Amino acid sequence: MENYYTAAEAIRKLNIPRSTFYHLIKQGEIPEGTIVPLRKQALYPKREIDKLADERMRILAELEQAPERLTFLLPSRDDLVQLVDIDRMVFQEETLIEPEEQMARFAYNPEAIHVLKDKLTNAAVGGVTISPLKEKVLEKLIRLEIDETQVKPEDYRPYIPGRPQDCYVIGIIARPGLTEKYYASRLLHAALNYLIELLERGVVIRCIYTVATTEDGDKLAQALGFIRLPGEWRGKYEDFRHPYILDLEATQSKSKLINSYMRQKANRERRRKRYERQAKSKK
């Protein structure tokens, strides 16, 4: 079987999530697997997989040479339509939140949603929705009493300088495909920079909460340093719901995200004190 890959081998070769591999099969971009005698696993032609791997490397090289192609910004309605289309590739239709309802959130937090956009193609390649919420709504989400589809626009709260706040990640997604991991990495990096931008504006985030509903979501949360909270609920649309917390004030954490945020927070505090000393010395 030297001319074939198993599914696991093909996934490693392409460096894509398992779910994306089967999505590409469904889309016809990867040939259906072949079942051969005496083997239970489907096999995939090396020639086709290697061709896709080469294509992936070519696209990544183009993106690396022009990193400014990808920009992190507040979305237009067209961007939100594209994000819903991306959600549709991954999630159940019943869990999708239509663009009009997403736009209604902006009346309560104008910065609740950001999109990662390819300026060359004008395509949304990922997005993240993160915002403070009403305290009771946040508690219900973490206790698994409700899901994200039950969060109303008026449950969102704005970022407020000078008052530490907790946030909830309603959703984060990258366009499935050969470059999904690259888009996800750029999206996470941009989201961290945005948290630091908020910090520079005096908006301090204490904790970030989220609920993972897929195996990939579980892995991502754990990789970022989120700690799983008690509780497990099997709902109508997801296989599971696992609540997580990222404590941005955890001084002993090994999370790179937390440590980066805390360094920026400490630097900002040092600058504040220095400005205060300078102001006093001028009096």
C-alpha atoms as a PDB file:
ATOM      1  CA  MET A   1       0.000   0.000   0.000  1.00  0.00           C
ATOM      2  CA  GLU A   2       2.945   2.299  -0.648  1.00  0.00           C
ATOM      3  CA  ASN A   3       0.843   4.468  -2.964  1.00  0.00           C
ATOM      4  CA  TYR A   4      -1.730   5.267  -0.273  1.00  0.00           C
ATOM      5  CA  TYR A   5      -2.051   7.066   3.043  1.00  0.00           C
ATOM      6  CA  THR A   6      -4.301   6.107   5.911  1.00  0.00           C
ATOM      7  CA  ALA A   7      -6.567   8.906   7.129  1.00  0.00           C
ATOM      8  CA  ALA A   8      -4.213   9.587  10.064  1.00  0.00           C
ATOM      9  CA  GLU A   9      -1.187   9.761   7.753  1.00  0.00           C
ATOM     10  CA  ALA A  10      -3.001  12.075   5.327  1.00  0.00           C
ATOM     11  CA  ILE A  11      -4.084  14.380   8.156  1.00  0.00           C
ATOM     12  CA  ARG A  12      -0.499  14.604   9.418  1.00  0.00           C
ATOM     13  CA  LYS A  13       0.792  15.242   5.899  1.00  0.00           C
ATOM     14  CA  LEU A  14      -1.714  18.065   5.348  1.00  0.00           C
ATOM     15  CA  ASN A  15      -1.418  19.369   8.925  1.00  0.00           C
ATOM     16  CA  ILE A  16      -5.130  20.028   9.212  1.00  0.00           C
ATOM     17  CA  PRO A  17      -7.727  19.121  11.881  1.00  0.00           C
ATOM     18  CA  ARG A  18      -9.415  15.753  11.524  1.00  0.00           C
ATOM     19  CA  SER A  19     -12.792  17.443  11.119  1.00  0.00           C
ATOM     20  CA  THR A  20     -11.426  19.560   8.269  1.00  0.00           C
ATOM     21  CA  PHE A  21     -10.042  16.472   6.513  1.00  0.00           C
ATOM     22  CA  TYR A  22     -13.502  14.930   6.340  1.00  0.00           C
ATOM     23  CA  HIS A  23     -15.030  18.283   5.405  1.00  0.00           C
ATOM     24  CA  LEU A  24     -12.682  18.426   2.396  1.00  0.00           C
ATOM     25  CA  ILE A  25     -13.736  14.897   1.429  1.00  0.00           C
ATOM     26  CA  LYS A  26     -17.372  15.976   1.617  1.00  0.00           C
ATOM     27  CA  GLN A  27     -16.560  18.994  -0.557  1.00  0.00           C
ATOM     28  CA  GLY A  28     -14.829  16.778  -3.124  1.00  0.00           C
ATOM     29  CA  GLU A  29     -11.409  18.349  -2.620  1.00  0.00           C
ATOM     30  CA  ILE A  30     -10.043  15.047  -1.307  1.00  0.00           C
ATOM     31  CA  PRO A  31     -11.051  11.817  -3.084  1.00  0.00           C
ATOM     32  CA  GLU A  32     -13.271   9.383  -1.213  1.00  0.00           C
ATOM     33  CA  GLY A  33     -11.247   6.742   0.611  1.00  0.00           C
ATOM     34  CA  THR A  34     -10.725   3.314  -0.914  1.00  0.00           C
ATOM     35  CA  ILE A  35     -11.412   0.188   1.119  1.00  0.00           C
ATOM     36  CA  VAL A  36      -9.023  -2.628   0.196  1.00  0.00           C
ATOM     37  CA  PRO A  37      -9.248  -6.317   1.133  1.00  0.00           C
ATOM     38  CA  LEU A  38      -8.057  -7.307   4.612  1.00  0.00           C
ATOM     39  CA  ARG A  39      -8.025  -3.675   5.799  1.00  0.00           C
ATOM     40  CA  LYS A  40     -10.722  -1.921   7.806  1.00  0.00           C
ATOM     41  CA  GLN A  41      -9.370   1.573   7.201  1.00  0.00           C
ATOM     42  CA  ALA A  42     -10.041   3.622   4.102  1.00  0.00           C
ATOM     43  CA  LEU A  43      -6.938   4.583   2.134  1.00  0.00           C
ATOM     44  CA  TYR A  44      -6.256   7.785   0.227  1.00  0.00           C
ATOM     45  CA  PRO A  45      -4.009   8.161  -2.847  1.00  0.00           C
ATOM     46  CA  LYS A  46      -0.619   9.625  -1.966  1.00  0.00           C
ATOM     47  CA  ARG A  47      -0.416  11.474  -5.251  1.00  0.00           C
ATOM     48  CA  GLU A  48      -3.544  13.529  -4.510  1.00  0.00           C
ATOM     49  CA  ILE A  49      -2.677  14.143  -0.861  1.00  0.00           C
ATOM     50  CA  ASP A  50       0.891  15.178  -1.735  1.00  0.00           C
ATOM     51  CA  LYS A  51      -0.465  17.565  -4.381  1.00  0.00           C
ATOM     52  CA  LEU A  52      -2.722  19.185  -1.782  1.00  0.00           C
ATOM     53  CA  ALA A  53       0.160  19.389   0.698  1.00  0.00           C
ATOM     54  CA  ASP A  54       2.255  21.204  -1.934  1.00  0.00           C
ATOM     55  CA  GLU A  55      -0.638  23.561  -2.623  1.00  0.00           C
ATOM     56  CA  ARG A  56      -0.954  24.274   1.077  1.00  0.00           C
ATOM     57  CA  MET A  57       2.741  25.134   1.346  1.00  0.00           C
ATOM     58  CA  ARG A  58       2.464  27.430  -1.681  1.00  0.00           C
ATOM     59  CA  ILE A  59      -0.460  29.344  -0.182  1.00  0.00           C
ATOM     60  CA  LEU A  60       1.236  29.617   3.217  1.00  0.00           C
ATOM     61  CA  ALA A  61       4.389  30.969   1.560  1.00  0.00           C
ATOM     62  CA  GLU A  62       2.323  33.671  -0.162  1.00  0.00           C
ATOM     63  CA  LEU A  63       0.638  34.621   3.112  1.00  0.00           C
ATOM     64  CA  GLU A  64       3.935  34.714   5.007  1.00  0.00           C
ATOM     65  CA  GLN A  65       5.458  37.002   2.378  1.00  0.00           C
ATOM     66  CA  ALA A  66       2.559  39.436   2.694  1.00  0.00           C
ATOM     67  CA  PRO A  67       1.362  39.283   6.327  1.00  0.00           C
ATOM     68  CA  GLU A  68      -0.427  42.607   5.895  1.00  0.00           C
ATOM     69  CA  ARG A  69      -2.956  40.786   3.698  1.00  0.00           C
ATOM     70  CA  LEU A  70      -4.766  39.637   6.819  1.00  0.00           C
ATOM     71  CA  THR A  71      -6.374  42.354   8.894  1.00  0.00           C
ATOM     72  CA  PHE A  72      -8.350  42.184  12.145  1.00  0.00           C
ATOM     73  CA  LEU A  73     -11.251  44.609  12.168  1.00  0.00           C
ATOM     74  CA  LEU A  74     -14.861  45.269  13.071  1.00  0.00           C
ATOM     75  CA  PRO A  75     -17.107  43.537  10.539  1.00  0.00           C
ATOM     76  CA  SER A  76     -19.497  44.855   7.933  1.00  0.00           C
ATOM     77  CA  ARG A  77     -22.793  43.071   7.310  1.00  0.00           C
ATOM     78  CA  ASP A  78     -21.206  41.281   4.333  1.00  0.00           C
ATOM     79  CA  ASP A  79     -18.400  40.068   6.609  1.00  0.00           C
ATOM     80  CA  LEU A  80     -20.990  38.678   9.041  1.00  0.00           C
ATOM     81  CA  VAL A  81     -22.758  36.876   6.202  1.00  0.00           C
ATOM     82  CA  GLN A  82     -19.446  35.232   5.340  1.00  0.00           C
ATOM     83  CA  LEU A  83     -18.858  34.272   8.977  1.00  0.00           C
ATOM     84  CA  VAL A  84     -22.276  32.613   9.136  1.00  0.00           C
ATOM     85  CA  ASP A  85     -21.370  30.677   5.980  1.00  0.00           C
ATOM     86  CA  ILE A  86     -18.182  29.503   7.723  1.00  0.00           C
ATOM     87  CA  ASP A  87     -20.219  28.516  10.794  1.00  0.00           C
ATOM     88  CA  ARG A  88     -22.526  26.564   8.500  1.00  0.00           C
ATOM     89  CA  MET A  89     -19.581  24.403   7.403  1.00  0.00           C
ATOM     90  CA  VAL A  90     -18.935  23.379  11.004  1.00  0.00           C
ATOM     91  CA  PHE A  91     -22.048  23.680  13.143  1.00  0.00           C
ATOM     92  CA  GLN A  92     -25.684  22.620  13.102  1.00  0.00           C
ATOM     93  CA  GLU A  93     -28.018  24.949  11.205  1.00  0.00           C
ATOM     94  CA  GLU A  94     -30.189  25.393  14.320  1.00  0.00           C
ATOM     95  CA  THR A  95     -27.270  26.894  16.270  1.00  0.00           C
ATOM     96  CA  LEU A  96     -26.449  29.606  13.719  1.00  0.00           C
ATOM     97  CA  ILE A  97     -27.019  33.248  14.636  1.00  0.00           C
ATOM     98  CA  GLU A  98     -28.076  35.322  11.637  1.00  0.00           C
ATOM     99  CA  PRO A  99     -26.199  38.522  10.653  1.00  0.00           C
ATOM    100  CA  GLU A 100     -29.068  40.832  11.657  1.00  0.00           C
ATOM    101  CA  GLU A 101     -29.083  39.491  15.211  1.00  0.00           C
ATOM    102  CA  GLN A 102     -25.294  39.710  15.358  1.00  0.00           C
ATOM    103  CA  MET A 103     -25.407  43.331  14.220  1.00  0.00           C
ATOM    104  CA  ALA A 104     -27.971  44.093  16.942  1.00  0.00           C
ATOM    105  CA  ARG A 105     -25.243  43.346  19.503  1.00  0.00           C
ATOM    106  CA  PHE A 106     -23.332  46.436  18.404  1.00  0.00           C
ATOM    107  CA  ALA A 107     -25.915  48.684  20.067  1.00  0.00           C
ATOM    108  CA  TYR A 108     -24.757  47.230  23.410  1.00  0.00           C
ATOM    109  CA  ASN A 109     -21.075  46.551  22.655  1.00  0.00           C
ATOM    110  CA  PRO A 110     -19.775  48.056  19.392  1.00  0.00           C
ATOM    111  CA  GLU A 111     -16.641  45.909  19.691  1.00  0.00           C
ATOM    112  CA  ALA A 112     -18.234  42.543  20.456  1.00  0.00           C
ATOM    113  CA  ILE A 113     -17.291  40.951  17.104  1.00  0.00           C
ATOM    114  CA  HIS A 114     -14.085  41.075  15.075  1.00  0.00           C
ATOM    115  CA  VAL A 115     -13.301  39.458  11.757  1.00  0.00           C
ATOM    116  CA  LEU A 116     -10.000  38.335  10.240  1.00  0.00           C
ATOM    117  CA  LYS A 117     -10.129  39.381   6.612  1.00  0.00           C
ATOM    118  CA  ASP A 118      -7.978  38.717   3.557  1.00  0.00           C
ATOM    119  CA  LYS A 119      -7.683  42.136   1.906  1.00  0.00           C
ATOM    120  CA  LEU A 120      -6.526  40.616  -1.377  1.00  0.00           C
ATOM    121  CA  THR A 121      -9.635  38.484  -1.846  1.00  0.00           C
ATOM    122  CA  ASN A 122     -11.990  40.515   0.386  1.00  0.00           C
ATOM    123  CA  ALA A 123     -12.885  37.240   2.103  1.00  0.00           C
ATOM    124  CA  ALA A 124     -13.524  36.717   5.798  1.00  0.00           C
ATOM    125  CA  VAL A 125     -11.278  33.858   6.911  1.00  0.00           C
ATOM    126  CA  GLY A 126     -12.166  33.830  10.590  1.00  0.00           C
ATOM    127  CA  GLY A 127     -13.864  35.672  13.387  1.00  0.00           C
ATOM    128  CA  VAL A 128     -14.182  35.953  17.137  1.00  0.00           C
ATOM    129  CA  THR A 129     -17.024  37.159  19.339  1.00  0.00           C
ATOM    130  CA  ILE A 130     -15.921  38.101  22.847  1.00  0.00           C
ATOM    131  CA  SER A 131     -17.656  40.490  25.213  1.00  0.00           C
ATOM    132  CA  PRO A 132     -18.642  41.207  28.792  1.00  0.00           C
ATOM    133  CA  LEU A 133     -22.157  39.933  29.465  1.00  0.00           C
ATOM    134  CA  LYS A 134     -24.826  40.464  32.084  1.00  0.00           C
ATOM    135  CA  GLU A 135     -23.622  38.689  35.201  1.00  0.00           C
ATOM    136  CA  LYS A 136     -26.636  36.375  35.451  1.00  0.00           C
ATOM    137  CA  VAL A 137     -26.348  35.384  31.790  1.00  0.00           C
ATOM    138  CA  LEU A 138     -22.638  34.614  32.168  1.00  0.00           C
ATOM    139  CA  GLU A 139     -23.361  32.465  35.216  1.00  0.00           C
ATOM    140  CA  LYS A 140     -26.039  30.502  33.356  1.00  0.00           C
ATOM    141  CA  LEU A 141     -23.687  29.853  30.436  1.00  0.00           C
ATOM    142  CA  ILE A 142     -20.922  28.567  32.701  1.00  0.00           C
ATOM    143  CA  ARG A 143     -23.361  26.434  34.706  1.00  0.00           C
ATOM    144  CA  LEU A 144     -24.566  25.004  31.359  1.00  0.00           C
ATOM    145  CA  GLU A 145     -28.132  26.123  31.970  1.00  0.00           C
ATOM    146  CA  ILE A 146     -28.304  27.913  28.591  1.00  0.00           C
ATOM    147  CA  ASP A 147     -26.290  27.957  25.378  1.00  0.00           C
ATOM    148  CA  GLU A 148     -25.036  30.786  23.150  1.00  0.00           C
ATOM    149  CA  THR A 149     -28.164  30.842  20.983  1.00  0.00           C
ATOM    150  CA  GLN A 150     -30.113  32.016  24.046  1.00  0.00           C
ATOM    151  CA  VAL A 151     -27.903  35.060  24.643  1.00  0.00           C
ATOM    152  CA  LYS A 152     -29.798  38.152  23.490  1.00  0.00           C
ATOM    153  CA  PRO A 153     -28.212  41.327  22.076  1.00  0.00           C
ATOM    154  CA  GLU A 154     -29.256  43.252  25.201  1.00  0.00           C
ATOM    155  CA  ASP A 155     -27.288  40.768  27.338  1.00  0.00           C
ATOM    156  CA  TYR A 156     -24.047  42.211  25.957  1.00  0.00           C
ATOM    157  CA  ARG A 157     -22.146  44.844  27.929  1.00  0.00           C
ATOM    158  CA  PRO A 158     -19.588  47.387  26.660  1.00  0.00           C
ATOM    159  CA  TYR A 159     -15.930  47.521  27.636  1.00  0.00           C
ATOM    160  CA  ILE A 160     -15.584  50.075  30.442  1.00  0.00           C
ATOM    161  CA  PRO A 161     -12.233  51.703  31.313  1.00  0.00           C
ATOM    162  CA  GLY A 162     -11.233  51.732  34.965  1.00  0.00           C
ATOM    163  CA  ARG A 163     -13.392  48.807  36.044  1.00  0.00           C
ATOM    164  CA  PRO A 164     -12.110  45.194  35.844  1.00  0.00           C
ATOM    165  CA  GLN A 165     -14.472  43.023  33.800  1.00  0.00           C
ATOM    166  CA  ASP A 166     -15.018  39.384  32.895  1.00  0.00           C
ATOM    167  CA  CYS A 167     -15.628  38.335  29.287  1.00  0.00           C
ATOM    168  CA  TYR A 168     -17.170  35.398  27.509  1.00  0.00           C
ATOM    169  CA  VAL A 169     -16.050  33.978  24.175  1.00  0.00           C
ATOM    170  CA  ILE A 170     -19.311  33.386  22.322  1.00  0.00           C
ATOM    171  CA  GLY A 171     -17.504  31.934  19.337  1.00  0.00           C
ATOM    172  CA  ILE A 172     -14.198  31.718  17.524  1.00  0.00           C
ATOM    173  CA  ILE A 173     -13.803  30.111  14.128  1.00  0.00           C
ATOM    174  CA  ALA A 174     -11.413  29.909  11.179  1.00  0.00           C
ATOM    175  CA  ARG A 175     -12.423  28.988   7.656  1.00  0.00           C
ATOM    176  CA  PRO A 176     -12.041  25.188   7.206  1.00  0.00           C
ATOM    177  CA  GLY A 177      -9.480  24.234   4.596  1.00  0.00           C
ATOM    178  CA  LEU A 178      -5.804  23.673   3.939  1.00  0.00           C
ATOM    179  CA  THR A 179      -4.805  26.915   5.672  1.00  0.00           C
ATOM    180  CA  GLU A 180      -7.212  26.659   8.606  1.00  0.00           C
ATOM    181  CA  LYS A 181      -4.489  26.310  11.255  1.00  0.00           C
ATOM    182  CA  TYR A 182      -2.636  29.328   9.892  1.00  0.00           C
ATOM    183  CA  TYR A 183      -5.790  31.439   9.946  1.00  0.00           C
ATOM    184  CA  ALA A 184      -6.586  30.243  13.475  1.00  0.00           C
ATOM    185  CA  SER A 185      -3.071  31.162  14.639  1.00  0.00           C
ATOM    186  CA  ARG A 186      -3.299  34.661  13.142  1.00  0.00           C
ATOM    187  CA  LEU A 187      -6.787  35.090  14.595  1.00  0.00           C
ATOM    188  CA  LEU A 188      -5.642  34.175  18.112  1.00  0.00           C
ATOM    189  CA  HIS A 189      -2.597  36.449  17.836  1.00  0.00           C
ATOM    190  CA  ALA A 190      -4.805  39.341  16.708  1.00  0.00           C
ATOM    191  CA  ALA A 191      -7.287  38.683  19.532  1.00  0.00           C
ATOM    192  CA  LEU A 192      -4.461  38.828  22.094  1.00  0.00           C
ATOM    193  CA  ASN A 193      -3.235  42.101  20.606  1.00  0.00           C
ATOM    194  CA  TYR A 194      -6.773  43.412  20.887  1.00  0.00           C
ATOM    195  CA  LEU A 195      -6.889  42.538  24.601  1.00  0.00           C
ATOM    196  CA  ILE A 196      -3.657  44.480  25.018  1.00  0.00           C
ATOM    197  CA  GLU A 197      -5.143  47.388  23.039  1.00  0.00           C
ATOM    198  CA  LEU A 198      -8.077  47.387  25.457  1.00  0.00           C
ATOM    199  CA  LEU A 199      -5.618  47.358  28.354  1.00  0.00           C
ATOM    200  CA  GLU A 200      -3.890  50.445  26.945  1.00  0.00           C
ATOM    201  CA  ARG A 201      -7.301  52.124  26.911  1.00  0.00           C
ATOM    202  CA  GLY A 202      -7.719  51.317  30.605  1.00  0.00           C
ATOM    203  CA  VAL A 203      -9.988  48.285  30.094  1.00  0.00           C
ATOM    204  CA  VAL A 204      -8.770  45.505  32.390  1.00  0.00           C
ATOM    205  CA  ILE A 205     -10.054  41.961  31.807  1.00  0.00           C
ATOM    206  CA  ARG A 206      -9.905  39.667  34.841  1.00  0.00           C
ATOM    207  CA  CYS A 207     -11.206  36.382  33.448  1.00  0.00           C
ATOM    208  CA  ILE A 208     -12.255  35.009  30.092  1.00  0.00           C
ATOM    209  CA  TYR A 209     -14.866  32.257  30.043  1.00  0.00           C
ATOM    210  CA  THR A 210     -15.942  29.959  27.240  1.00  0.00           C
ATOM    211  CA  VAL A 211     -17.632  26.629  26.603  1.00  0.00           C
ATOM    212  CA  ALA A 212     -16.104  24.080  24.235  1.00  0.00           C
ATOM    213  CA  THR A 213     -18.574  22.082  22.160  1.00  0.00           C
ATOM    214  CA  THR A 214     -16.145  20.072  19.989  1.00  0.00           C
ATOM    215  CA  GLU A 215     -12.970  18.064  20.501  1.00  0.00           C
ATOM    216  CA  ASP A 216     -11.036  20.730  18.587  1.00  0.00           C
ATOM    217  CA  GLY A 217     -12.522  23.356  20.907  1.00  0.00           C
ATOM    218  CA  ASP A 218     -11.403  21.369  23.930  1.00  0.00           C
ATOM    219  CA  LYS A 219      -7.858  21.098  22.580  1.00  0.00           C
ATOM    220  CA  LEU A 220      -7.692  24.794  21.747  1.00  0.00           C
ATOM    221  CA  ALA A 221      -8.935  25.881  25.165  1.00  0.00           C
ATOM    222  CA  GLN A 222      -6.414  23.669  26.930  1.00  0.00           C
ATOM    223  CA  ALA A 223      -3.567  24.769  24.642  1.00  0.00           C
ATOM    224  CA  LEU A 224      -4.295  28.406  25.511  1.00  0.00           C
ATOM    225  CA  GLY A 225      -4.188  27.697  29.237  1.00  0.00           C
ATOM    226  CA  PHE A 226      -7.920  27.645  29.969  1.00  0.00           C
ATOM    227  CA  ILE A 227      -8.863  25.555  33.005  1.00  0.00           C
ATOM    228  CA  ARG A 228     -11.879  23.304  32.733  1.00  0.00           C
ATOM    229  CA  LEU A 229     -14.674  23.981  35.203  1.00  0.00           C
ATOM    230  CA  PRO A 230     -17.033  21.359  36.694  1.00  0.00           C
ATOM    231  CA  GLY A 231     -20.100  20.363  34.748  1.00  0.00           C
ATOM    232  CA  GLU A 232     -21.010  18.514  31.595  1.00  0.00           C
ATOM    233  CA  TRP A 233     -24.206  18.775  29.607  1.00  0.00           C
ATOM    234  CA  ARG A 234     -25.220  16.796  26.562  1.00  0.00           C
ATOM    235  CA  GLY A 235     -27.442  19.021  24.525  1.00  0.00           C
ATOM    236  CA  LYS A 236     -29.608  18.698  21.498  1.00  0.00           C
ATOM    237  CA  TYR A 237     -27.047  19.966  18.991  1.00  0.00           C
ATOM    238  CA  GLU A 238     -23.588  19.290  20.481  1.00  0.00           C
ATOM    239  CA  ASP A 239     -21.965  16.074  21.659  1.00  0.00           C
ATOM    240  CA  PHE A 240     -20.923  17.845  24.838  1.00  0.00           C
ATOM    241  CA  ARG A 241     -20.446  21.242  26.494  1.00  0.00           C
ATOM    242  CA  HIS A 242     -17.328  21.786  28.633  1.00  0.00           C
ATOM    243  CA  PRO A 243     -17.016  25.125  30.492  1.00  0.00           C
ATOM    244  CA  TYR A 244     -13.579  26.773  30.809  1.00  0.00           C
ATOM    245  CA  ILE A 245     -11.987  29.767  32.519  1.00  0.00           C
ATOM    246  CA  LEU A 246      -8.822  31.702  31.717  1.00  0.00           C
ATOM    247  CA  ASP A 247      -7.768  33.683  34.787  1.00  0.00           C
ATOM    248  CA  LEU A 248      -5.705  36.603  33.510  1.00  0.00           C
ATOM    249  CA  GLU A 249      -4.646  37.374  37.088  1.00  0.00           C
ATOM    250  CA  ALA A 250      -3.158  33.908  37.741  1.00  0.00           C
ATOM    251  CA  THR A 251       0.417  34.831  38.644  1.00  0.00           C
ATOM    252  CA  GLN A 252       1.661  31.232  38.735  1.00  0.00           C
ATOM    253  CA  SER A 253       0.185  30.224  35.379  1.00  0.00           C
ATOM    254  CA  LYS A 254       2.364  28.647  32.680  1.00  0.00           C
ATOM    255  CA  SER A 255       0.056  29.962  29.962  1.00  0.00           C
ATOM    256  CA  LYS A 256       1.924  32.125  27.432  1.00  0.00           C
ATOM    257  CA  LEU A 257      -1.255  34.108  26.844  1.00  0.00           C
ATOM    258  CA  ILE A 258      -1.686  34.912  30.541  1.00  0.00           C
ATOM    259  CA  ASN A 259       1.990  35.731  31.028  1.00  0.00           C
ATOM    260  CA  SER A 260       2.019  38.016  27.989  1.00  0.00           C
ATOM    261  CA  TYR A 261      -1.068  39.830  29.222  1.00  0.00           C
ATOM    262  CA  MET A 262       0.346  40.201  32.745  1.00  0.00           C
ATOM    263  CA  ARG A 263       3.631  41.605  31.393  1.00  0.00           C
ATOM    264  CA  GLN A 264       1.723  44.225  29.438  1.00  0.00           C
ATOM    265  CA  LYS A 265      -0.381  45.003  32.483  1.00  0.00           C
ATOM    266  CA  ALA A 266       2.731  45.404  34.667  1.00  0.00           C
ATOM    267  CA  ASN A 267       4.398  47.612  32.037  1.00  0.00           C
ATOM    268  CA  ARG A 268       1.321  49.812  31.875  1.00  0.00           C
ATOM    269  CA  GLU A 269       1.279  50.164  35.672  1.00  0.00           C
ATOM    270  CA  ARG A 270       4.972  51.110  35.704  1.00  0.00           C
ATOM    271  CA  ARG A 271       4.351  53.753  33.047  1.00  0.00           C
ATOM    272  CA  ARG A 272       1.420  55.123  35.024  1.00  0.00           C
ATOM    273  CA  LYS A 273       3.505  55.459  38.181  1.00  0.00           C
ATOM    274  CA  ARG A 274       6.376  57.055  36.269  1.00  0.00           C
ATOM    275  CA  TYR A 275       4.024  59.649  34.769  1.00  0.00           C
ATOM    276  CA  GLU A 276       2.634  60.363  38.233  1.00  0.00           C
ATOM    277  CA  ARG A 277       6.151  60.898  39.643  1.00  0.00           C
ATOM    278  CA  GLN A 278       7.043  63.178  36.749  1.00  0.00           C
ATOM    279  CA  ALA A 279       3.871  65.174  37.224  1.00  0.00           C
ATOM    280  CA  LYS A 280       4.602  65.639  40.948  1.00  0.00           C
ATOM    281  CA  SER A 281       8.185  66.707  40.274  1.00  0.00           C
ATOM    282  CA  LYS A 282       6.960  69.493  38.003  1.00  0.00           C
ATOM    283  CA  LYS A 283       4.761  70.998  40.680  1.00  0.00           C
END
